[in-house]
């Protein structure tokens, strides 16, 4: 097949898109791993663990949708992206609160400590009632 972009070798545009998306997902996974190993505390590691994970999942799911473009695949891909985008921040938030309650964070790295004022008034996470 000869087209306007004939470079002398056969390639499919889907293969190029697939390669780019898989490479992007691999870079995101690598960034998440490096962040988990290098960041100093739980709150920073949560940032590294959630954002690249969501972007990597989106890249992989988009790759599957491009490779097998059917209504069922695209619907499933959208559902995966939706639920991952919904649950990852919630789980990271819960892990962050647990780290705050147990004191496994560096207080000097916080710019704003919204949970401290809640715990001082007795409605925050450090009350005996809620633990």
Foldseek 3Di string as FASTA:
>chain_A
DDDPPCPPDDDDPLVVLLVVLQVLLVVLVVQLVCQCVPDDFLLSNLVSPQPSVLSSLLSVLVNQCSVPPDPVSVVVSVVVSVVSVVPSVVVSVVVVLVCVQVVGDDPVPDPDDPQVVCVVVVNHDNHPVND
